[in-house]
Amino acid sequence: MVEHIIKDASALDVEWQKASASGANGDCVETAPHAGGVAVRHSKVPTGPALAYTEAEFRAFVAGVKAGEFDHLLGE
């Protein structure tokens, strides 16, 4: 089972990736493969917490984003 909160994301031995569309100010969400799933952290706080999701959870989230299910959060 994947723990959903990782207290210190920098302790993970993973390669973090941010979207190419991220702003130049470095204020981004980063993702990394972790324990059969995906970890997510804030790029400006690399030693802060990360959230861990199973592959199925992350796939469901990405599918929802692609389908526009979260557009209302951006005022769209």
C-alpha atoms as a PDB file:
ATOM      1  CA  MET A   1       0.000   0.000   0.000  1.00  0.00           C
ATOM      2  CA  VAL A   2       1.206   3.493  -0.841  1.00  0.00           C
ATOM      3  CA  GLU A   3       1.299   6.028   1.986  1.00  0.00           C
ATOM      4  CA  HIS A   4      -0.595   9.101   0.835  1.00  0.00           C
ATOM      5  CA  ILE A   5       1.534  11.708   2.640  1.00  0.00           C
ATOM      6  CA  ILE A   6       5.319  11.731   2.460  1.00  0.00           C
ATOM      7  CA  LYS A   7       6.658  14.172   5.061  1.00  0.00           C
ATOM      8  CA  ASP A   8       9.948  15.023   3.287  1.00  0.00           C
ATOM      9  CA  ALA A   9       9.762  14.698  -0.494  1.00  0.00           C
ATOM     10  CA  SER A  10      13.513  15.249  -0.836  1.00  0.00           C
ATOM     11  CA  ALA A  11      14.099  11.937   0.963  1.00  0.00           C
ATOM     12  CA  LEU A  12      12.697  10.046  -2.027  1.00  0.00           C
ATOM     13  CA  ASP A  13      15.297   8.651  -4.410  1.00  0.00           C
ATOM     14  CA  VAL A  14      13.387   9.712  -7.533  1.00  0.00           C
ATOM     15  CA  GLU A  15      13.776  12.084 -10.459  1.00  0.00           C
ATOM     16  CA  TRP A  16      11.190  14.858 -10.225  1.00  0.00           C
ATOM     17  CA  GLN A  17       9.619  16.265 -13.401  1.00  0.00           C
ATOM     18  CA  LYS A  18       7.582  19.400 -14.012  1.00  0.00           C
ATOM     19  CA  ALA A  19       5.408  20.258 -16.977  1.00  0.00           C
ATOM     20  CA  SER A  20       7.013  22.104 -19.875  1.00  0.00           C
ATOM     21  CA  ALA A  21       4.171  24.646 -19.574  1.00  0.00           C
ATOM     22  CA  SER A  22       5.305  25.608 -16.060  1.00  0.00           C
ATOM     23  CA  GLY A  23       6.025  29.264 -15.465  1.00  0.00           C
ATOM     24  CA  ALA A  24       9.524  30.721 -15.358  1.00  0.00           C
ATOM     25  CA  ASN A  25       9.128  31.694 -11.685  1.00  0.00           C
ATOM     26  CA  GLY A  26       9.541  28.063 -10.613  1.00  0.00           C
ATOM     27  CA  ASP A  27       6.140  27.903  -8.943  1.00  0.00           C
ATOM     28  CA  CYS A  28       5.229  24.449 -10.237  1.00  0.00           C
ATOM     29  CA  VAL A  29       3.849  21.069  -9.372  1.00  0.00           C
ATOM     30  CA  GLU A  30       6.365  18.244  -9.841  1.00  0.00           C
ATOM     31  CA  THR A  31       5.688  14.542 -10.251  1.00  0.00           C
ATOM     32  CA  ALA A  32       7.831  11.431  -9.914  1.00  0.00           C
ATOM     33  CA  PRO A  33       7.277   7.687 -10.112  1.00  0.00           C
ATOM     34  CA  HIS A  34       7.082   6.228  -6.598  1.00  0.00           C
ATOM     35  CA  ALA A  35       6.182   2.799  -5.181  1.00  0.00           C
ATOM     36  CA  GLY A  36       4.154   1.708  -8.195  1.00  0.00           C
ATOM     37  CA  GLY A  37       2.368   5.032  -8.368  1.00  0.00           C
ATOM     38  CA  VAL A  38       3.094   8.748  -8.572  1.00  0.00           C
ATOM     39  CA  ALA A  39       4.309  11.280  -6.001  1.00  0.00           C
ATOM     40  CA  VAL A  40       3.366  14.972  -6.342  1.00  0.00           C
ATOM     41  CA  ARG A  41       5.101  17.934  -4.659  1.00  0.00           C
ATOM     42  CA  HIS A  42       5.421  21.724  -4.872  1.00  0.00           C
ATOM     43  CA  SER A  43       8.665  22.690  -6.632  1.00  0.00           C
ATOM     44  CA  LYS A  44       9.339  25.649  -4.335  1.00  0.00           C
ATOM     45  CA  VAL A  45       9.299  23.398  -1.260  1.00  0.00           C
ATOM     46  CA  PRO A  46      11.430  20.366  -2.228  1.00  0.00           C
ATOM     47  CA  THR A  47      11.924  19.312   1.406  1.00  0.00           C
ATOM     48  CA  GLY A  48       8.234  19.710   2.165  1.00  0.00           C
ATOM     49  CA  PRO A  49       5.559  17.060   1.913  1.00  0.00           C
ATOM     50  CA  ALA A  50       4.504  15.150  -1.168  1.00  0.00           C
ATOM     51  CA  LEU A  51       1.271  13.344  -1.886  1.00  0.00           C
ATOM     52  CA  ALA A  52       1.505   9.788  -3.180  1.00  0.00           C
ATOM     53  CA  TYR A  53      -1.097   8.195  -5.408  1.00  0.00           C
ATOM     54  CA  THR A  54      -1.494   4.712  -6.789  1.00  0.00           C
ATOM     55  CA  GLU A  55      -1.235   4.376 -10.550  1.00  0.00           C
ATOM     56  CA  ALA A  56      -5.008   3.890 -10.760  1.00  0.00           C
ATOM     57  CA  GLU A  57      -5.681   7.031  -8.708  1.00  0.00           C
ATOM     58  CA  PHE A  58      -3.335   9.136 -10.815  1.00  0.00           C
ATOM     59  CA  ARG A  59      -4.725   7.752 -14.094  1.00  0.00           C
ATOM     60  CA  ALA A  60      -8.250   8.671 -12.921  1.00  0.00           C
ATOM     61  CA  PHE A  61      -7.102  12.200 -12.061  1.00  0.00           C
ATOM     62  CA  VAL A  62      -5.364  12.706 -15.420  1.00  0.00           C
ATOM     63  CA  ALA A  63      -8.435  11.380 -17.246  1.00  0.00           C
ATOM     64  CA  GLY A  64     -10.596  13.867 -15.327  1.00  0.00           C
ATOM     65  CA  VAL A  65      -8.267  16.741 -16.218  1.00  0.00           C
ATOM     66  CA  LYS A  66      -8.302  15.758 -19.896  1.00  0.00           C
ATOM     67  CA  ALA A  67     -12.111  15.530 -19.827  1.00  0.00           C
ATOM     68  CA  GLY A  68     -12.405  19.052 -18.391  1.00  0.00           C
ATOM     69  CA  GLU A  69     -13.865  17.906 -15.065  1.00  0.00           C
ATOM     70  CA  PHE A  70     -11.764  20.439 -13.136  1.00  0.00           C
ATOM     71  CA  ASP A  71     -12.116  23.440 -15.460  1.00  0.00           C
ATOM     72  CA  HIS A  72     -14.542  25.084 -13.012  1.00  0.00           C
ATOM     73  CA  LEU A  73     -11.651  25.443 -10.541  1.00  0.00           C
ATOM     74  CA  LEU A  74     -10.000  27.819 -13.012  1.00  0.00           C
ATOM     75  CA  GLY A  75     -13.113  29.863 -13.642  1.00  0.00           C
ATOM     76  CA  GLU A  76     -13.697  28.250 -17.025  1.00  0.00           C
END
